[in-house]
Amino acid sequence: MQFRKVLPPSISCSHCAKDLLYIQNVSLPLRSAEHNGKMAIVDASGQRVKLACLNWYGFHLVDHVINGLDRQPADDIIRSVVDMGFNCIRLVYSMDTLYLNPVIDPNRLTANPELQGMTSMEVHTLY
């Protein structure tokens, strides 16, 4: 399976990190299964999927939001992730993020004004 460094035209501010898998023509959901005699991650059609992941940290920190959204639009960050050859993002969060679910400080979202007024988990579900 060749990795194509092209974003689908449907990606917009309402995208989510799961869209990265569509770049490889992967059909969701993913699952574990035996593939050629070994356990592997496969897509809905049974094709093996190799994940190349990175961590995008911040949800577990005091402001409960991923870092960088005050510096660049999320679309630009996601495009950079794809350009570097990654096809998945691991989002780290804390139990406080889940249970407190605060509205994010607008100063942490200045490059993404469409996210202002959202709670931490609302932003988390987008990415």
Protein backbone atom coordinates (compact mmCIF):
# COMPACT_ATOMS: atom_id res chain seq x y z
CA MET A 1 0.00 0.00 0.00
CA GLN A 2 1.58 3.28 -1.09
CA PHE A 3 1.16 6.38 1.06
CA ARG A 4 -0.14 9.34 -0.91
CA LYS A 5 0.84 12.77 0.43
CA VAL A 6 -2.42 14.36 -0.69
CA LEU A 7 -5.30 15.54 1.46
CA PRO A 8 -8.79 14.71 0.30
CA PRO A 9 -10.65 17.84 -0.83
CA SER A 10 -13.28 17.34 1.88
CA ILE A 11 -10.86 18.20 4.71
CA SER A 12 -11.89 21.44 6.38
CA CYS A 13 -12.00 22.93 9.85
CA SER A 14 -14.59 20.32 10.80
CA HIS A 15 -12.25 17.41 9.93
CA CYS A 16 -10.87 14.98 12.44
CA ALA A 17 -7.57 13.13 12.68
CA LYS A 18 -9.31 9.92 11.54
CA ASP A 19 -9.43 11.50 8.06
CA LEU A 20 -5.70 10.78 7.84
CA LEU A 21 -6.52 7.13 7.25
CA TYR A 22 -8.56 7.97 4.16
CA ILE A 23 -5.35 9.18 2.52
CA GLN A 24 -4.33 5.53 2.29
CA ASN A 25 -7.75 4.44 1.02
CA VAL A 26 -8.39 2.67 4.32
CA SER A 27 -11.96 1.67 5.08
CA LEU A 28 -13.03 2.01 8.71
CA PRO A 29 -13.42 0.49 11.24
CA LEU A 30 -9.99 -0.91 11.99
CA ARG A 31 -9.62 -4.16 13.90
CA SER A 32 -7.03 -6.76 14.80
CA ALA A 33 -7.06 -9.99 12.85
CA GLU A 34 -4.84 -12.73 11.53
CA HIS A 35 -3.21 -11.64 8.30
CA ASN A 36 -0.83 -13.98 6.47
CA GLY A 37 -0.43 -16.09 9.60
CA LYS A 38 0.31 -13.17 11.93
CA MET A 39 -1.79 -10.77 13.99
CA ALA A 40 -2.13 -7.38 12.35
CA ILE A 41 -4.36 -4.32 12.15
CA VAL A 42 -6.71 -4.61 9.20
CA ASP A 43 -9.40 -2.37 7.78
CA ALA A 44 -13.04 -3.23 7.07
CA SER A 45 -12.07 -4.94 3.81
CA GLY A 46 -9.41 -7.10 5.52
CA GLN A 47 -6.44 -5.20 4.07
CA ARG A 48 -3.47 -4.74 6.40
CA VAL A 49 -2.99 -1.21 7.72
CA LYS A 50 0.33 0.06 8.99
CA LEU A 51 -0.04 2.90 11.45
CA ALA A 52 2.65 5.56 11.61
CA CYS A 53 1.62 7.59 14.65
CA LEU A 54 2.77 10.65 16.54
CA ASN A 55 1.70 12.13 19.86
CA TRP A 56 -0.09 15.48 19.90
CA TYR A 57 0.03 16.41 23.54
CA GLY A 58 -1.82 18.95 25.61
CA PHE A 59 -5.23 17.57 26.60
CA HIS A 60 -3.63 16.14 29.75
CA LEU A 61 -2.06 19.46 30.79
CA VAL A 62 -3.54 22.27 32.86
CA ASP A 63 -5.35 23.99 29.94
CA HIS A 64 -6.91 20.70 28.69
CA VAL A 65 -6.34 21.46 25.00
CA ILE A 66 -3.84 20.23 22.42
CA ASN A 67 -0.90 22.54 21.94
CA GLY A 68 -0.42 24.74 18.91
CA LEU A 69 -4.03 25.78 18.28
CA ASP A 70 -3.07 29.30 19.35
CA ARG A 71 -0.26 29.37 16.77
CA GLN A 72 -1.57 27.69 13.60
CA PRO A 73 -4.90 26.62 12.14
CA ALA A 74 -5.59 22.95 12.86
CA ASP A 75 -5.76 22.26 9.10
CA ASP A 76 -2.16 23.45 8.70
CA ILE A 77 -1.01 21.28 11.60
CA ILE A 78 -2.77 18.23 10.16
CA ARG A 79 -1.26 18.89 6.71
CA SER A 80 2.21 19.04 8.30
CA VAL A 81 1.56 15.70 10.01
CA VAL A 82 0.61 14.14 6.67
CA ASP A 83 3.57 15.74 4.88
CA MET A 84 5.88 14.14 7.46
CA GLY A 85 4.47 10.72 6.54
CA PHE A 86 2.25 10.03 9.56
CA ASN A 87 -1.24 8.56 9.21
CA CYS A 88 -2.50 8.65 12.80
CA ILE A 89 -2.32 10.87 15.85
CA ARG A 90 -2.37 9.76 19.48
CA LEU A 91 -4.14 12.28 21.71
CA VAL A 92 -3.12 12.10 25.36
CA TYR A 93 -5.70 13.26 27.89
CA SER A 94 -6.21 13.07 31.64
CA MET A 95 -9.14 12.04 33.78
CA ASP A 96 -9.53 15.74 34.69
CA THR A 97 -10.07 16.50 31.01
CA LEU A 98 -12.83 13.92 30.92
CA TYR A 99 -14.53 14.75 34.22
CA LEU A 100 -13.98 18.52 34.49
CA ASN A 101 -14.39 19.16 30.74
CA PRO A 102 -13.71 22.90 31.02
CA VAL A 103 -14.45 25.48 28.37
CA ILE A 104 -11.08 26.16 26.79
CA ASP A 105 -9.40 29.51 27.39
CA PRO A 106 -9.91 31.46 24.13
CA ASN A 107 -6.25 32.57 24.27
CA ARG A 108 -5.29 28.93 23.59
CA LEU A 109 -7.37 28.92 20.37
CA THR A 110 -6.48 32.24 18.72
CA ALA A 111 -5.49 30.61 15.40
CA ASN A 112 -8.72 28.53 15.42
CA PRO A 113 -11.53 30.95 16.33
CA GLU A 114 -14.20 28.43 15.27
CA LEU A 115 -13.22 26.37 18.35
CA GLN A 116 -13.65 29.20 20.84
CA GLY A 117 -16.42 28.55 23.36
CA MET A 118 -16.01 24.76 23.08
CA THR A 119 -15.21 22.46 25.95
CA SER A 120 -12.11 20.30 26.05
CA MET A 121 -14.00 17.13 25.11
CA GLU A 122 -15.81 18.89 22.26
CA VAL A 123 -12.42 19.79 20.76
CA HIS A 124 -11.15 16.29 21.56
CA THR A 125 -13.94 14.68 19.53
CA LEU A 126 -12.95 16.81 16.51
CA TYR A 127 -9.36 15.66 16.55
